[in-house]
Structure formats: C-alpha cells, structure tokens
Protein backbone atom coordinates (compact mmCIF):
# COMPACT_ATOMS: atom_id res chain seq x y z
CA UNK A 1 23.64 2.83 20.20
CA UNK A 2 23.00 -0.66 19.09
CA UNK A 3 19.21 -0.37 20.02
CA UNK A 4 18.79 2.80 18.04
CA UNK A 5 20.22 1.25 14.86
CA UNK A 6 17.90 -1.83 15.20
CA UNK A 7 14.95 0.33 15.82
CA UNK A 8 15.85 2.56 12.87
CA UNK A 9 16.18 -0.49 10.58
CA UNK A 10 12.76 -1.82 11.76
CA UNK A 11 11.03 1.48 11.06
CA UNK A 12 12.70 1.80 7.74
CA UNK A 13 10.69 -1.30 6.76
CA UNK A 14 7.53 0.52 7.62
CA UNK A 15 8.43 3.35 5.24
CA UNK A 16 9.19 0.71 2.58
CA UNK A 17 5.76 -0.64 2.75
CA UNK A 18 4.23 2.89 2.58
CA UNK A 19 6.43 3.41 -0.57
CA UNK A 20 4.93 0.28 -2.09
CA UNK A 21 1.43 1.51 -1.43
CA UNK A 22 2.14 4.90 -2.91
CA UNK A 23 3.79 3.37 -6.13
CA UNK A 24 0.91 0.91 -6.48
CA UNK A 25 -1.65 3.67 -6.02
CA UNK A 26 0.01 5.85 -8.49
CA UNK A 27 0.19 2.94 -11.08
CA UNK A 28 -3.48 2.20 -10.54
CA UNK A 29 -4.26 5.97 -10.90
CA UNK A 30 -2.30 6.28 -14.11
CA UNK A 31 -4.01 3.36 -15.63
CA UNK A 32 -7.45 4.68 -14.50
CA UNK A 33 -6.82 7.96 -16.16
CA UNK A 34 -5.75 6.19 -19.30
CA UNK A 35 -9.06 4.24 -19.59
CA UNK A 36 -10.79 1.75 -17.37
CA UNK A 37 -11.66 -1.00 -19.84
CA UNK A 38 -8.31 -1.41 -21.45
CA UNK A 39 -6.32 -1.97 -18.15
CA UNK A 40 -8.82 -3.41 -15.73
CA UNK A 41 -10.88 -5.57 -18.13
CA UNK A 42 -13.87 -4.15 -16.32
CA UNK A 43 -16.38 -1.88 -17.88
CA UNK A 44 -17.77 -0.93 -14.46
CA UNK A 45 -16.43 1.82 -12.23
CA UNK A 46 -15.63 -0.60 -9.52
CA UNK A 47 -12.58 -1.97 -11.57
CA UNK A 48 -10.41 0.83 -10.06
CA UNK A 49 -11.39 -0.03 -6.51
CA UNK A 50 -10.69 -3.69 -7.13
CA UNK A 51 -7.18 -2.79 -8.32
CA UNK A 52 -6.66 -0.58 -5.20
CA UNK A 53 -7.83 -3.49 -3.13
CA UNK A 54 -5.10 -5.62 -4.64
CA UNK A 55 -2.51 -2.86 -3.92
CA UNK A 56 -3.64 -2.95 -0.26
CA UNK A 57 -3.42 -6.72 -0.13
CA UNK A 58 0.11 -6.61 -1.51
CA UNK A 59 1.04 -4.02 1.11
CA UNK A 60 -0.47 -6.23 4.00
CA UNK A 61 1.38 -9.38 2.70
CA UNK A 62 4.57 -7.39 2.15
CA UNK A 63 4.31 -6.07 5.75
CA UNK A 64 4.24 -9.48 7.13
CA UNK A 65 7.11 -10.68 4.99
CA UNK A 66 9.32 -7.80 5.62
CA UNK A 67 8.62 -7.59 9.30
CA UNK A 68 9.25 -11.29 9.77
CA UNK A 69 12.47 -11.01 7.63
CA UNK A 70 13.79 -8.30 10.13
CA UNK A 71 13.86 -10.97 12.88
CA UNK A 72 13.25 -8.37 15.56
CA UNK A 73 10.45 -9.35 17.93
CA UNK A 74 10.76 -5.94 19.82
CA UNK A 75 8.11 -3.65 18.56
CA UNK A 76 6.75 -6.12 15.92
CA UNK A 77 3.12 -5.36 16.65
CA UNK A 78 3.82 -1.58 16.46
CA UNK A 79 5.71 -1.73 13.14
CA UNK A 80 3.00 -4.07 11.63
CA UNK A 81 0.30 -1.83 12.81
CA UNK A 82 1.99 1.35 11.48
CA UNK A 83 2.72 -0.32 8.17
CA UNK A 84 -0.83 -1.50 7.57
CA UNK A 85 -2.50 1.70 9.00
CA UNK A 86 -0.18 3.86 6.66
CA UNK A 87 -1.05 1.62 3.76
CA UNK A 88 -4.78 1.86 4.51
CA UNK A 89 -4.51 5.68 4.67
CA UNK A 90 -2.52 5.88 1.32
CA UNK A 91 -4.83 3.57 -0.55
CA UNK A 92 -7.94 5.45 0.96
CA UNK A 93 -6.64 8.68 -0.27
CA UNK A 94 -5.96 7.25 -3.65
CA UNK A 95 -9.52 5.96 -3.76
CA UNK A 96 -10.91 9.35 -2.99
CA UNK A 97 -8.74 11.04 -5.59
CA UNK A 98 -9.69 8.51 -8.27
CA UNK A 99 -13.42 8.75 -7.56
CA UNK A 100 -14.03 11.28 -10.38
CA UNK A 101 -12.14 9.19 -12.89
CA UNK A 102 -13.86 5.94 -11.70
CA UNK A 103 -17.41 7.51 -11.84
CA UNK A 104 -16.97 8.31 -15.67
C-alpha cells in the first residue's frame, strides 16, 4: 500500500506540470486573440510562438523543481520524461491552434 501512495503522489506532479502548460497556453492564446502588438510587444507573428516557448521553458524548469522536491528516486526519469513530453504535446497543440491568429 505504501508504494502505491508514493507512486500516485509522483504521478500527480506530472499532471501538475501538464496543468501549468495548459494554463500558460490558454493565457498566451487569450492574449494572442486580443492583439499581438499590445501584449507581446512584437509586431511580427513570431511573438506568439516566442511566448509559447516561454511557457514550455517554465514547464521544463517546473518539472525539474517539482520532481526533485518529491525526493523519490524511483521512477524519476519516467516522471520527468512524461512531464516534459506532455508539456511539449500541449504547447504544440496550442501552437497549431494559434496559427491562424498569429498569421494575421
């Protein structure tokens, strides 16, 4: 029983990082729809993708901080890989959905 609760806590931190990536992508998406120049201070369409890059960087750094804070070496590589891979998928989907707004 103890192993299951430790594993569940560890994988809960993976979901936390995915939630951070979703929230960050939604914020960037909302700002992109509102207007690029005002929020990103970039008149080019690449400003949205730069902001999504920052969201991904925060997710990667957050992954390392959260996983090291769990102090559980068992499954560390798997949890880090799942966190980062999930964040990459989420931010990639956001980039695809924001392409029409970024190209305006």
